[in-house]
Amino acid sequence: MTGSGSALSPARAKVVRTAAASLERTAAGLAEEVAAEIRVQVPELAHDRRLTGSCRSNIALKLSMLRAGAPGTRAEAPAEARRYARDVAGRGGDLPALLHAYRVGHGFFWRTWTDARIEAPPRLAELALGERSAAFLIDWFDAVCGQIEAEHRIARAGGAPARATPRDLVCSVLAGKATDVDAASRALGYDLRRRHVAAHVHSRFDRP
C-alpha cells in the first residue's frame, strides 16, 4: 500500500491485508454501527433511509483498497454514496451536515481499524495499522469527500445525472435546467453571472 509516505514492507503489507480481510467479514455490521453513530451526531441525517447503504459502500471501498494495497488518492466515491449525496441535496439538506457525517464515519472506521485483532507482533501491527495506514486513509478521505462535495453541489445546481462532470453541468445550465446559478458557479469554479458572448455557427450544406 502506498500513500503520502513510502511503500509498506512486505511484513507490514501482510498485516494490512489480513486486517482488511478480517473486517470485510463484519463490514455489514460495522456499517450499521457507523450509521447509528452518524444519526446521533448529525441529527439532520437521522431519518435518511439511504444512510446505511452509503456507509456500507464506503467501508467496502476502504477495505478492498487496503487489502489490494491501492493508494488512497485513487479512490472513486461509490455509486451508492453518490446517490445518497444527491438525495441529501434534493431534499434541501446542507453540505456541512453531509461532510460532518463523513468525518464521523471516518473517525469510527479509524478507531475500529487500529483496534483490529490480528496475529502479529504488537509493534509490527501498531506500525502497519497506525502510522502507515493513516496516510492512505487521509488520502482516501480527501479524494472521496471532494467527489461527494461536487456531487452535492451539482445536484443542488441542476439535478445533473449520476457521476456528473463539469460538462454535464454546463449542458444543464445551457438547457435552462440549473435553477441555482450560484451553486452551479461554485461547482464549476467559474462565475456564471459574468457577461458572455455566444456565436451560432451553422452550414447550409447537409453532412454526407
N, C-alpha and C. Protein backbone atom coordinates (compact mmCIF):
# COMPACT_ATOMS: atom_id res chain seq x y z
N MET A 1 0.85 -1.20 0.00
CA MET A 1 0.00 0.00 0.00
C MET A 1 0.87 1.23 0.00
N THR A 2 0.56 2.17 -0.86
CA THR A 2 1.28 3.42 -0.88
C THR A 2 0.33 4.55 -0.60
N GLY A 3 0.88 5.67 -0.19
CA GLY A 3 0.06 6.83 0.09
C GLY A 3 0.96 8.03 0.14
N SER A 4 0.83 8.85 1.18
CA SER A 4 1.67 10.03 1.29
C SER A 4 3.10 9.65 1.63
N GLY A 5 3.29 8.48 2.25
CA GLY A 5 4.61 8.06 2.64
C GLY A 5 5.13 6.98 1.72
N SER A 6 6.19 6.28 2.18
CA SER A 6 6.80 5.24 1.37
C SER A 6 5.97 3.97 1.43
N ALA A 7 6.29 3.03 0.51
CA ALA A 7 5.54 1.77 0.45
C ALA A 7 5.81 0.94 1.70
N LEU A 8 4.83 0.13 2.06
CA LEU A 8 4.98 -0.74 3.23
C LEU A 8 5.95 -1.87 2.95
N SER A 9 6.61 -2.32 3.99
CA SER A 9 7.45 -3.51 3.87
C SER A 9 6.52 -4.70 3.66
N PRO A 10 7.03 -5.81 3.12
CA PRO A 10 6.19 -6.99 2.92
C PRO A 10 5.48 -7.45 4.20
N ALA A 11 6.18 -7.39 5.34
CA ALA A 11 5.58 -7.84 6.60
C ALA A 11 4.42 -6.93 7.00
N ARG A 12 4.60 -5.61 6.87
CA ARG A 12 3.53 -4.68 7.24
C ARG A 12 2.37 -4.75 6.24
N ALA A 13 2.70 -4.94 4.96
CA ALA A 13 1.65 -5.07 3.96
C ALA A 13 0.78 -6.29 4.25
N LYS A 14 1.40 -7.36 4.71
CA LYS A 14 0.65 -8.57 5.05
C LYS A 14 -0.28 -8.31 6.22
N VAL A 15 0.18 -7.54 7.21
CA VAL A 15 -0.67 -7.19 8.35
C VAL A 15 -1.89 -6.41 7.88
N VAL A 16 -1.67 -5.45 6.99
CA VAL A 16 -2.78 -4.64 6.47
C VAL A 16 -3.77 -5.51 5.71
N ARG A 17 -3.28 -6.39 4.85
CA ARG A 17 -4.17 -7.28 4.08
C ARG A 17 -4.98 -8.17 5.01
N THR A 18 -4.33 -8.71 6.03
CA THR A 18 -5.01 -9.60 6.98
C THR A 18 -6.10 -8.85 7.73
N ALA A 19 -5.79 -7.65 8.20
CA ALA A 19 -6.77 -6.85 8.95
C ALA A 19 -7.96 -6.48 8.06
N ALA A 20 -7.68 -6.09 6.82
CA ALA A 20 -8.76 -5.71 5.90
C ALA A 20 -9.67 -6.89 5.60
N ALA A 21 -9.07 -8.05 5.34
CA ALA A 21 -9.86 -9.25 5.06
C ALA A 21 -10.71 -9.63 6.27
N SER A 22 -10.17 -9.47 7.45
CA SER A 22 -10.91 -9.80 8.66
C SER A 22 -12.11 -8.88 8.85
N LEU A 23 -11.90 -7.58 8.63
CA LEU A 23 -13.00 -6.63 8.81
C LEU A 23 -14.04 -6.74 7.70
N GLU A 24 -13.64 -7.19 6.52
CA GLU A 24 -14.61 -7.37 5.44
C GLU A 24 -15.70 -8.37 5.83
N ARG A 25 -15.36 -9.33 6.67
CA ARG A 25 -16.35 -10.33 7.09
C ARG A 25 -17.41 -9.74 8.00
N THR A 26 -17.11 -8.62 8.62
CA THR A 26 -18.07 -7.99 9.54
C THR A 26 -18.49 -6.60 9.05
N ALA A 27 -18.26 -6.33 7.77
CA ALA A 27 -18.50 -4.98 7.24
C ALA A 27 -19.96 -4.54 7.34
N ALA A 28 -20.89 -5.47 7.15
CA ALA A 28 -22.31 -5.10 7.22
C ALA A 28 -22.67 -4.60 8.61
N GLY A 29 -22.21 -5.31 9.63
CA GLY A 29 -22.47 -4.86 10.99
C GLY A 29 -21.77 -3.56 11.31
N LEU A 30 -20.57 -3.40 10.80
CA LEU A 30 -19.82 -2.16 11.02
C LEU A 30 -20.55 -0.98 10.39
N ALA A 31 -21.13 -1.17 9.21
CA ALA A 31 -21.88 -0.10 8.56
C ALA A 31 -23.08 0.31 9.39
N GLU A 32 -23.75 -0.66 10.00
CA GLU A 32 -24.89 -0.34 10.88
C GLU A 32 -24.44 0.50 12.07
N GLU A 33 -23.29 0.14 12.64
CA GLU A 33 -22.77 0.89 13.79
C GLU A 33 -22.38 2.31 13.39
N VAL A 34 -21.74 2.43 12.25
CA VAL A 34 -21.34 3.76 11.78
C VAL A 34 -22.56 4.62 11.53
N ALA A 35 -23.57 4.07 10.87
CA ALA A 35 -24.80 4.82 10.59
C ALA A 35 -25.48 5.25 11.88
N ALA A 36 -25.50 4.37 12.86
CA ALA A 36 -26.11 4.72 14.15
C ALA A 36 -25.37 5.88 14.81
N GLU A 37 -24.05 5.86 14.73
CA GLU A 37 -23.25 6.94 15.31
C GLU A 37 -23.50 8.26 14.58
N ILE A 38 -23.62 8.20 13.26
CA ILE A 38 -23.90 9.40 12.48
C ILE A 38 -25.27 9.97 12.85
N ARG A 39 -26.25 9.10 13.01
CA ARG A 39 -27.59 9.57 13.34
C ARG A 39 -27.62 10.30 14.68
N VAL A 40 -26.75 9.90 15.59
CA VAL A 40 -26.67 10.58 16.89
C VAL A 40 -25.98 11.92 16.75
N GLN A 41 -24.87 11.93 16.02
CA GLN A 41 -24.06 13.14 15.95
C GLN A 41 -24.48 14.13 14.87
N VAL A 42 -25.23 13.65 13.88
CA VAL A 42 -25.69 14.53 12.80
C VAL A 42 -27.20 14.35 12.67
N PRO A 43 -27.96 14.97 13.56
CA PRO A 43 -29.42 14.75 13.58
C PRO A 43 -30.12 15.08 12.27
N GLU A 44 -29.54 15.95 11.46
CA GLU A 44 -30.17 16.30 10.18
C GLU A 44 -30.30 15.09 9.27
N LEU A 45 -29.48 14.07 9.49
CA LEU A 45 -29.49 12.89 8.63
C LEU A 45 -30.11 11.68 9.32
N ALA A 46 -30.68 11.89 10.48
CA ALA A 46 -31.12 10.77 11.32
C ALA A 46 -32.17 9.89 10.66
N HIS A 47 -32.98 10.43 9.78
CA HIS A 47 -34.09 9.65 9.21
C HIS A 47 -33.86 9.26 7.75
N ASP A 48 -32.66 9.41 7.27
CA ASP A 48 -32.36 9.09 5.86
C ASP A 48 -32.23 7.58 5.67
N ARG A 49 -33.03 7.02 4.79
CA ARG A 49 -33.02 5.58 4.57
C ARG A 49 -31.75 5.09 3.87
N ARG A 50 -31.18 5.94 3.04
CA ARG A 50 -30.00 5.52 2.27
C ARG A 50 -28.70 5.64 3.06
N LEU A 51 -28.76 6.17 4.25
CA LEU A 51 -27.53 6.43 5.01
C LEU A 51 -26.71 5.16 5.23
N THR A 52 -27.35 4.10 5.68
CA THR A 52 -26.62 2.85 5.95
C THR A 52 -25.99 2.30 4.69
N GLY A 53 -26.70 2.35 3.59
CA GLY A 53 -26.15 1.86 2.33
C GLY A 53 -24.93 2.66 1.90
N SER A 54 -24.97 3.97 2.11
CA SER A 54 -23.82 4.81 1.79
C SER A 54 -22.63 4.43 2.66
N CYS A 55 -22.88 4.23 3.96
CA CYS A 55 -21.81 3.81 4.87
C CYS A 55 -21.23 2.47 4.44
N ARG A 56 -22.10 1.54 4.09
CA ARG A 56 -21.65 0.20 3.69
C ARG A 56 -20.76 0.27 2.46
N SER A 57 -21.14 1.09 1.49
CA SER A 57 -20.36 1.18 0.26
C SER A 57 -19.00 1.83 0.50
N ASN A 58 -18.96 2.84 1.36
CA ASN A 58 -17.69 3.50 1.66
C ASN A 58 -16.75 2.58 2.44
N ILE A 59 -17.30 1.84 3.40
CA ILE A 59 -16.48 0.91 4.17
C ILE A 59 -15.93 -0.19 3.27
N ALA A 60 -16.78 -0.71 2.39
CA ALA A 60 -16.33 -1.76 1.47
C ALA A 60 -15.21 -1.25 0.57
N LEU A 61 -15.32 0.00 0.12
CA LEU A 61 -14.28 0.57 -0.72
C LEU A 61 -12.97 0.70 0.04
N LYS A 62 -13.02 1.23 1.25
CA LYS A 62 -11.79 1.37 2.06
C LYS A 62 -11.11 0.02 2.25
N LEU A 63 -11.89 -0.96 2.65
CA LEU A 63 -11.31 -2.27 2.97
C LEU A 63 -10.75 -2.95 1.72
N SER A 64 -11.45 -2.86 0.61
CA SER A 64 -10.96 -3.50 -0.61
C SER A 64 -9.67 -2.84 -1.09
N MET A 65 -9.57 -1.52 -0.96
CA MET A 65 -8.37 -0.82 -1.37
C MET A 65 -7.21 -1.12 -0.43
N LEU A 66 -7.49 -1.19 0.86
CA LEU A 66 -6.46 -1.54 1.83
C LEU A 66 -5.93 -2.95 1.56
N ARG A 67 -6.85 -3.86 1.30
CA ARG A 67 -6.45 -5.24 1.05
C ARG A 67 -5.62 -5.36 -0.23
N ALA A 68 -5.98 -4.55 -1.24
CA ALA A 68 -5.28 -4.60 -2.52
C ALA A 68 -3.99 -3.78 -2.53
N GLY A 69 -3.79 -2.96 -1.50
CA GLY A 69 -2.59 -2.12 -1.48
C GLY A 69 -2.67 -0.93 -2.41
N ALA A 70 -3.90 -0.50 -2.74
CA ALA A 70 -4.07 0.64 -3.65
C ALA A 70 -3.91 1.96 -2.91
N PRO A 71 -3.37 2.98 -3.56
CA PRO A 71 -3.22 4.28 -2.90
C PRO A 71 -4.56 4.98 -2.72
N GLY A 72 -4.71 5.68 -1.61
CA GLY A 72 -5.96 6.37 -1.32
C GLY A 72 -6.32 7.45 -2.31
N THR A 73 -5.32 8.02 -2.97
CA THR A 73 -5.57 9.07 -3.95
C THR A 73 -6.37 8.58 -5.14
N ARG A 74 -6.42 7.27 -5.35
CA ARG A 74 -7.16 6.72 -6.50
C ARG A 74 -8.61 6.36 -6.16
N ALA A 75 -9.04 6.68 -4.98
CA ALA A 75 -10.40 6.32 -4.56
C ALA A 75 -11.44 7.03 -5.41
N GLU A 76 -12.45 6.27 -5.82
CA GLU A 76 -13.61 6.81 -6.54
C GLU A 76 -14.83 6.60 -5.67
N ALA A 77 -15.50 7.65 -5.33
CA ALA A 77 -16.67 7.54 -4.46
C ALA A 77 -17.66 6.51 -5.03
N PRO A 78 -18.14 5.58 -4.20
CA PRO A 78 -19.06 4.54 -4.69
C PRO A 78 -20.38 5.13 -5.21
N ALA A 79 -21.01 4.40 -6.10
CA ALA A 79 -22.28 4.86 -6.68
C ALA A 79 -23.33 5.10 -5.60
N GLU A 80 -23.40 4.21 -4.60
CA GLU A 80 -24.39 4.36 -3.54
C GLU A 80 -24.16 5.63 -2.74
N ALA A 81 -22.89 5.94 -2.48
CA ALA A 81 -22.56 7.16 -1.74
C ALA A 81 -22.90 8.40 -2.57
N ARG A 82 -22.69 8.33 -3.87
CA ARG A 82 -23.03 9.45 -4.74
C ARG A 82 -24.54 9.66 -4.78
N ARG A 83 -25.28 8.56 -4.86
CA ARG A 83 -26.74 8.68 -4.87
C ARG A 83 -27.23 9.31 -3.57
N TYR A 84 -26.62 8.91 -2.48
CA TYR A 84 -27.04 9.47 -1.19
C TYR A 84 -26.75 10.98 -1.14
N ALA A 85 -25.61 11.40 -1.64
CA ALA A 85 -25.29 12.83 -1.67
C ALA A 85 -26.33 13.59 -2.48
N ARG A 86 -26.77 13.00 -3.60
CA ARG A 86 -27.79 13.66 -4.42
C ARG A 86 -29.14 13.68 -3.69
N ASP A 87 -29.44 12.62 -2.96
CA ASP A 87 -30.68 12.59 -2.19
C ASP A 87 -30.69 13.72 -1.16
N VAL A 88 -29.58 13.87 -0.45
CA VAL A 88 -29.48 14.92 0.57
C VAL A 88 -29.66 16.29 -0.08
N ALA A 89 -29.00 16.50 -1.20
CA ALA A 89 -29.13 17.78 -1.91
C ALA A 89 -30.56 17.99 -2.40
N GLY A 90 -31.18 16.92 -2.92
CA GLY A 90 -32.52 17.02 -3.48
C GLY A 90 -33.58 17.41 -2.48
N ARG A 91 -33.39 17.04 -1.23
CA ARG A 91 -34.38 17.42 -0.21
C ARG A 91 -33.97 18.69 0.53
N GLY A 92 -32.94 19.36 0.03
CA GLY A 92 -32.52 20.62 0.62
C GLY A 92 -31.53 20.47 1.76
N GLY A 93 -31.01 19.25 1.98
CA GLY A 93 -30.04 19.05 3.04
C GLY A 93 -28.75 19.78 2.75
N ASP A 94 -28.12 20.33 3.79
CA ASP A 94 -26.94 21.14 3.52
C ASP A 94 -25.66 20.32 3.47
N LEU A 95 -24.68 20.87 2.78
CA LEU A 95 -23.41 20.19 2.57
C LEU A 95 -22.62 20.01 3.87
N PRO A 96 -22.56 20.99 4.77
CA PRO A 96 -21.81 20.79 6.02
C PRO A 96 -22.27 19.57 6.81
N ALA A 97 -23.56 19.31 6.84
CA ALA A 97 -24.06 18.13 7.56
C ALA A 97 -23.57 16.85 6.90
N LEU A 98 -23.58 16.82 5.57
CA LEU A 98 -23.12 15.64 4.85
C LEU A 98 -21.64 15.39 5.10
N LEU A 99 -20.83 16.44 5.03
CA LEU A 99 -19.39 16.28 5.27
C LEU A 99 -19.09 15.96 6.73
N HIS A 100 -19.92 16.47 7.63
CA HIS A 100 -19.78 16.10 9.05
C HIS A 100 -19.99 14.60 9.22
N ALA A 101 -20.97 14.07 8.51
CA ALA A 101 -21.22 12.63 8.57
C ALA A 101 -20.00 11.84 8.11
N TYR A 102 -19.33 12.33 7.08
CA TYR A 102 -18.11 11.65 6.61
C TYR A 102 -17.01 11.71 7.66
N ARG A 103 -16.90 12.81 8.37
CA ARG A 103 -15.88 12.90 9.42
C ARG A 103 -16.19 11.93 10.55
N VAL A 104 -17.47 11.86 10.93
CA VAL A 104 -17.88 10.92 11.98
C VAL A 104 -17.59 9.49 11.56
N GLY A 105 -18.00 9.14 10.35
CA GLY A 105 -17.79 7.78 9.86
C GLY A 105 -16.32 7.43 9.73
N HIS A 106 -15.54 8.39 9.27
CA HIS A 106 -14.11 8.15 9.10
C HIS A 106 -13.43 7.94 10.45
N GLY A 107 -13.84 8.73 11.43
CA GLY A 107 -13.28 8.56 12.77
C GLY A 107 -13.63 7.21 13.37
N PHE A 108 -14.87 6.78 13.16
CA PHE A 108 -15.32 5.48 13.67
C PHE A 108 -14.51 4.36 13.02
N PHE A 109 -14.33 4.48 11.70
CA PHE A 109 -13.56 3.46 10.99
C PHE A 109 -12.12 3.42 11.50
N TRP A 110 -11.53 4.57 11.71
CA TRP A 110 -10.14 4.62 12.17
C TRP A 110 -9.97 3.92 13.52
N ARG A 111 -10.91 4.16 14.42
CA ARG A 111 -10.84 3.51 15.75
C ARG A 111 -10.98 2.00 15.60
N THR A 112 -11.90 1.58 14.75
CA THR A 112 -12.10 0.14 14.53
C THR A 112 -10.87 -0.48 13.88
N TRP A 113 -10.32 0.22 12.91
CA TRP A 113 -9.16 -0.29 12.18
C TRP A 113 -7.95 -0.47 13.09
N THR A 114 -7.65 0.54 13.88
CA THR A 114 -6.46 0.47 14.73
C THR A 114 -6.64 -0.49 15.90
N ASP A 115 -7.89 -0.85 16.20
CA ASP A 115 -8.15 -1.83 17.27
C ASP A 115 -8.28 -3.25 16.73
N ALA A 116 -8.07 -3.43 15.43
CA ALA A 116 -8.22 -4.76 14.82
C ALA A 116 -7.32 -5.77 15.51
N ARG A 117 -7.86 -6.95 15.78
CA ARG A 117 -7.11 -8.00 16.45
C ARG A 117 -6.60 -9.00 15.42
N ILE A 118 -5.32 -9.02 15.24
CA ILE A 118 -4.71 -9.95 14.27
C ILE A 118 -3.50 -10.61 14.91
N GLU A 119 -3.09 -11.72 14.32
CA GLU A 119 -1.93 -12.44 14.82
C GLU A 119 -0.66 -11.85 14.22
N ALA A 120 -0.03 -10.97 14.96
CA ALA A 120 1.20 -10.32 14.52
C ALA A 120 1.88 -9.72 15.74
N PRO A 121 3.19 -9.55 15.71
CA PRO A 121 3.88 -8.89 16.82
C PRO A 121 3.25 -7.52 17.08
N PRO A 122 2.99 -7.16 18.32
CA PRO A 122 2.31 -5.90 18.64
C PRO A 122 2.90 -4.67 17.97
N ARG A 123 4.23 -4.53 17.99
CA ARG A 123 4.85 -3.35 17.39
C ARG A 123 4.64 -3.32 15.87
N LEU A 124 4.74 -4.47 15.23
CA LEU A 124 4.51 -4.54 13.79
C LEU A 124 3.08 -4.15 13.45
N ALA A 125 2.14 -4.68 14.21
CA ALA A 125 0.73 -4.35 13.97
C ALA A 125 0.47 -2.87 14.20
N GLU A 126 1.09 -2.32 15.24
CA GLU A 126 0.90 -0.90 15.55
C GLU A 126 1.39 -0.02 14.40
N LEU A 127 2.55 -0.34 13.85
CA LEU A 127 3.10 0.45 12.75
C LEU A 127 2.27 0.30 11.47
N ALA A 128 1.90 -0.95 11.16
CA ALA A 128 1.16 -1.21 9.92
C ALA A 128 -0.24 -0.61 9.95
N LEU A 129 -0.94 -0.79 11.07
CA LEU A 129 -2.32 -0.34 11.16
C LEU A 129 -2.43 1.12 11.59
N GLY A 130 -1.34 1.66 12.11
CA GLY A 130 -1.36 3.03 12.60
C GLY A 130 -0.79 4.01 11.62
N GLU A 131 0.47 4.36 11.83
CA GLU A 131 1.05 5.47 11.08
C GLU A 131 1.06 5.26 9.57
N ARG A 132 1.31 4.04 9.10
CA ARG A 132 1.36 3.82 7.65
C ARG A 132 -0.02 3.84 7.02
N SER A 133 -1.01 3.23 7.68
CA SER A 133 -2.36 3.23 7.14
C SER A 133 -2.99 4.61 7.22
N ALA A 134 -2.53 5.44 8.16
CA ALA A 134 -3.07 6.78 8.30
C ALA A 134 -2.90 7.58 7.01
N ALA A 135 -1.76 7.42 6.35
CA ALA A 135 -1.52 8.15 5.10
C ALA A 135 -2.54 7.76 4.04
N PHE A 136 -2.82 6.46 3.94
CA PHE A 136 -3.83 6.00 2.98
C PHE A 136 -5.19 6.59 3.30
N LEU A 137 -5.59 6.53 4.57
CA LEU A 137 -6.93 6.97 4.95
C LEU A 137 -7.12 8.47 4.78
N ILE A 138 -6.07 9.23 5.02
CA ILE A 138 -6.15 10.68 4.80
C ILE A 138 -6.35 10.96 3.30
N ASP A 139 -5.56 10.29 2.48
CA ASP A 139 -5.71 10.47 1.03
C ASP A 139 -7.09 10.03 0.55
N TRP A 140 -7.57 8.91 1.08
CA TRP A 140 -8.90 8.40 0.72
C TRP A 140 -9.97 9.42 1.08
N PHE A 141 -9.90 9.94 2.28
CA PHE A 141 -10.89 10.90 2.76
C PHE A 141 -10.92 12.14 1.88
N ASP A 142 -9.74 12.68 1.57
CA ASP A 142 -9.68 13.88 0.73
C ASP A 142 -10.25 13.62 -0.66
N ALA A 143 -9.90 12.48 -1.24
CA ALA A 143 -10.36 12.17 -2.60
C ALA A 143 -11.87 11.98 -2.64
N VAL A 144 -12.40 11.16 -1.74
CA VAL A 144 -13.83 10.84 -1.78
C VAL A 144 -14.68 12.04 -1.36
N CYS A 145 -14.27 12.75 -0.32
CA CYS A 145 -15.07 13.90 0.12
C CYS A 145 -15.11 14.99 -0.95
N GLY A 146 -14.03 15.16 -1.69
CA GLY A 146 -14.05 16.12 -2.79
C GLY A 146 -15.08 15.75 -3.84
N GLN A 147 -15.18 14.46 -4.15
CA GLN A 147 -16.15 13.99 -5.14
C GLN A 147 -17.58 14.11 -4.61
N ILE A 148 -17.76 13.79 -3.34
CA ILE A 148 -19.09 13.87 -2.74
C ILE A 148 -19.55 15.32 -2.67
N GLU A 149 -18.64 16.22 -2.34
CA GLU A 149 -18.98 17.64 -2.31
C GLU A 149 -19.41 18.12 -3.69
N ALA A 150 -18.67 17.73 -4.72
CA ALA A 150 -19.02 18.12 -6.08
C ALA A 150 -20.38 17.54 -6.48
N GLU A 151 -20.62 16.29 -6.09
CA GLU A 151 -21.91 15.64 -6.41
C GLU A 151 -23.07 16.41 -5.79
N HIS A 152 -22.90 16.81 -4.54
CA HIS A 152 -23.95 17.56 -3.83
C HIS A 152 -24.17 18.92 -4.49
N ARG A 153 -23.10 19.63 -4.79
CA ARG A 153 -23.23 20.95 -5.38
C ARG A 153 -23.88 20.89 -6.76
N ILE A 154 -23.49 19.92 -7.55
CA ILE A 154 -24.07 19.77 -8.89
C ILE A 154 -25.55 19.44 -8.80
N ALA A 155 -25.91 18.55 -7.87
CA ALA A 155 -27.32 18.19 -7.70
C ALA A 155 -28.14 19.40 -7.26
N ARG A 156 -27.59 20.21 -6.35
CA ARG A 156 -28.30 21.40 -5.90
C ARG A 156 -28.44 22.41 -7.05
N ALA A 157 -27.46 22.42 -7.93
CA ALA A 157 -27.48 23.40 -9.01
C ALA A 157 -28.44 23.04 -10.12
N GLY A 158 -28.59 21.74 -10.39
CA GLY A 158 -29.46 21.44 -11.51
C GLY A 158 -29.89 20.01 -11.66
N GLY A 159 -29.64 19.17 -10.67
CA GLY A 159 -30.07 17.81 -10.76
C GLY A 159 -29.41 17.05 -11.88
N ALA A 160 -28.11 17.29 -12.08
CA ALA A 160 -27.40 16.58 -13.14
C ALA A 160 -27.32 15.10 -12.84
N PRO A 161 -27.08 14.26 -13.84
CA PRO A 161 -27.12 12.82 -13.65
C PRO A 161 -25.98 12.27 -12.81
N ALA A 162 -26.07 10.98 -12.48
CA ALA A 162 -25.06 10.32 -11.66
C ALA A 162 -23.68 10.48 -12.28
N ARG A 163 -22.66 10.59 -11.41
CA ARG A 163 -21.27 10.76 -11.82
C ARG A 163 -21.15 11.94 -12.77
N ALA A 164 -21.89 13.02 -12.44
CA ALA A 164 -21.91 14.19 -13.30
C ALA A 164 -20.54 14.84 -13.40
N THR A 165 -20.24 15.37 -14.56
CA THR A 165 -18.99 16.06 -14.82
C THR A 165 -19.28 17.53 -15.03
N PRO A 166 -18.25 18.38 -15.04
CA PRO A 166 -18.49 19.79 -15.35
C PRO A 166 -19.23 19.98 -16.67
N ARG A 167 -18.92 19.12 -17.67
CA ARG A 167 -19.62 19.22 -18.96
C ARG A 167 -21.12 18.98 -18.78
N ASP A 168 -21.47 17.98 -17.92
CA ASP A 168 -22.89 17.72 -17.66
C ASP A 168 -23.57 18.95 -17.09
N LEU A 169 -22.87 19.62 -16.15
CA LEU A 169 -23.47 20.78 -15.51
C LEU A 169 -23.61 21.94 -16.49
N VAL A 170 -22.61 22.14 -17.34
CA VAL A 170 -22.69 23.20 -18.34
C VAL A 170 -23.88 22.96 -19.26
N CYS A 171 -24.07 21.70 -19.68
CA CYS A 171 -25.21 21.37 -20.54
C CYS A 171 -26.52 21.63 -19.82
N SER A 172 -26.55 21.35 -18.51
CA SER A 172 -27.74 21.59 -17.71
C SER A 172 -28.05 23.08 -17.63
N VAL A 173 -26.99 23.90 -17.46
CA VAL A 173 -27.17 25.36 -17.41
C VAL A 173 -27.68 25.87 -18.75
N LEU A 174 -27.07 25.43 -19.83
CA LEU A 174 -27.46 25.91 -21.16
C LEU A 174 -28.88 25.50 -21.53
N ALA A 175 -29.31 24.36 -20.97
CA ALA A 175 -30.67 23.88 -21.25
C ALA A 175 -31.70 24.53 -20.34
N GLY A 176 -31.22 25.38 -19.43
CA GLY A 176 -32.14 26.06 -18.52
C GLY A 176 -32.62 25.21 -17.37
N LYS A 177 -31.92 24.09 -17.08
CA LYS A 177 -32.35 23.19 -16.02
C LYS A 177 -31.71 23.52 -14.67
N ALA A 178 -30.62 24.26 -14.67
CA ALA A 178 -29.95 24.62 -13.42
C ALA A 178 -30.57 25.90 -12.88
N THR A 179 -31.31 25.79 -11.79
CA THR A 179 -32.02 26.94 -11.27
C THR A 179 -31.20 27.73 -10.26
N ASP A 180 -30.21 27.11 -9.65
CA ASP A 180 -29.37 27.78 -8.66
C ASP A 180 -28.05 28.15 -9.33
N VAL A 181 -27.98 29.35 -9.87
CA VAL A 181 -26.81 29.77 -10.62
C VAL A 181 -25.58 29.88 -9.73
N ASP A 182 -25.78 30.35 -8.50
CA ASP A 182 -24.64 30.50 -7.59
C ASP A 182 -24.04 29.14 -7.24
N ALA A 183 -24.90 28.14 -7.01
CA ALA A 183 -24.40 26.80 -6.70
C ALA A 183 -23.68 26.21 -7.90
N ALA A 184 -24.22 26.46 -9.10
CA ALA A 184 -23.56 25.97 -10.30
C ALA A 184 -22.20 26.63 -10.48
N SER A 185 -22.10 27.91 -10.17
CA SER A 185 -20.83 28.62 -10.28
C SER A 185 -19.80 28.03 -9.34
N ARG A 186 -20.23 27.71 -8.10
CA ARG A 186 -19.30 27.13 -7.14
C ARG A 186 -18.83 25.75 -7.59
N ALA A 187 -19.76 24.97 -8.13
CA ALA A 187 -19.39 23.63 -8.58
C ALA A 187 -18.41 23.67 -9.75
N LEU A 188 -18.57 24.67 -10.62
CA LEU A 188 -17.70 24.78 -11.79
C LEU A 188 -16.42 25.55 -11.51
N GLY A 189 -16.43 26.34 -10.40
CA GLY A 189 -15.29 27.19 -10.13
C GLY A 189 -15.21 28.35 -11.12
N TYR A 190 -16.37 28.79 -11.58
CA TYR A 190 -16.44 29.84 -12.61
C TYR A 190 -17.70 30.66 -12.39
N ASP A 191 -17.59 31.99 -12.48
CA ASP A 191 -18.73 32.87 -12.23
C ASP A 191 -19.64 32.91 -13.46
N LEU A 192 -20.78 32.24 -13.34
CA LEU A 192 -21.71 32.18 -14.46
C LEU A 192 -22.49 33.48 -14.66
N ARG A 193 -22.40 34.40 -13.69
CA ARG A 193 -23.13 35.67 -13.80
C ARG A 193 -22.36 36.71 -14.62
N ARG A 194 -21.17 36.34 -15.06
CA ARG A 194 -20.42 37.26 -15.93
C ARG A 194 -21.14 37.41 -17.27
N ARG A 195 -20.83 38.51 -17.97
CA ARG A 195 -21.42 38.70 -19.30
C ARG A 195 -20.71 37.77 -20.28
N HIS A 196 -21.50 37.07 -21.09
CA HIS A 196 -20.96 36.12 -22.05
C HIS A 196 -21.41 36.48 -23.46
N VAL A 197 -20.55 36.18 -24.41
CA VAL A 197 -20.88 36.39 -25.82
C VAL A 197 -20.89 35.03 -26.51
N ALA A 198 -21.94 34.75 -27.25
CA ALA A 198 -22.06 33.46 -27.93
C ALA A 198 -22.17 33.67 -29.44
N ALA A 199 -21.70 32.70 -30.18
CA ALA A 199 -21.81 32.74 -31.64
C ALA A 199 -22.47 31.44 -32.09
N HIS A 200 -23.42 31.56 -32.98
CA HIS A 200 -24.10 30.38 -33.52
C HIS A 200 -23.58 30.14 -34.93
N VAL A 201 -22.97 29.01 -35.15
CA VAL A 201 -22.37 28.69 -36.45
C VAL A 201 -23.12 27.52 -37.07
N HIS A 202 -23.49 27.63 -38.34
CA HIS A 202 -24.15 26.52 -39.00
C HIS A 202 -23.74 26.49 -40.46
N SER A 203 -24.01 25.40 -41.09
CA SER A 203 -23.69 25.23 -42.50
C SER A 203 -24.97 24.98 -43.28
N ARG A 204 -25.02 25.50 -44.49
CA ARG A 204 -26.21 25.25 -45.31
C ARG A 204 -26.11 23.95 -46.09
N PHE A 205 -24.94 23.27 -45.92
CA PHE A 205 -24.76 22.00 -46.60
C PHE A 205 -25.05 20.85 -45.63
N ASP A 206 -25.75 19.85 -46.13
CA ASP A 206 -26.01 18.69 -45.30
C ASP A 206 -24.75 17.86 -45.17
N ARG A 207 -24.61 17.23 -44.01
CA ARG A 207 -23.48 16.33 -43.82
C ARG A 207 -23.68 15.08 -44.67
N PRO A 208 -22.57 14.53 -45.21
CA PRO A 208 -22.70 13.31 -46.04
C PRO A 208 -23.16 12.13 -45.22
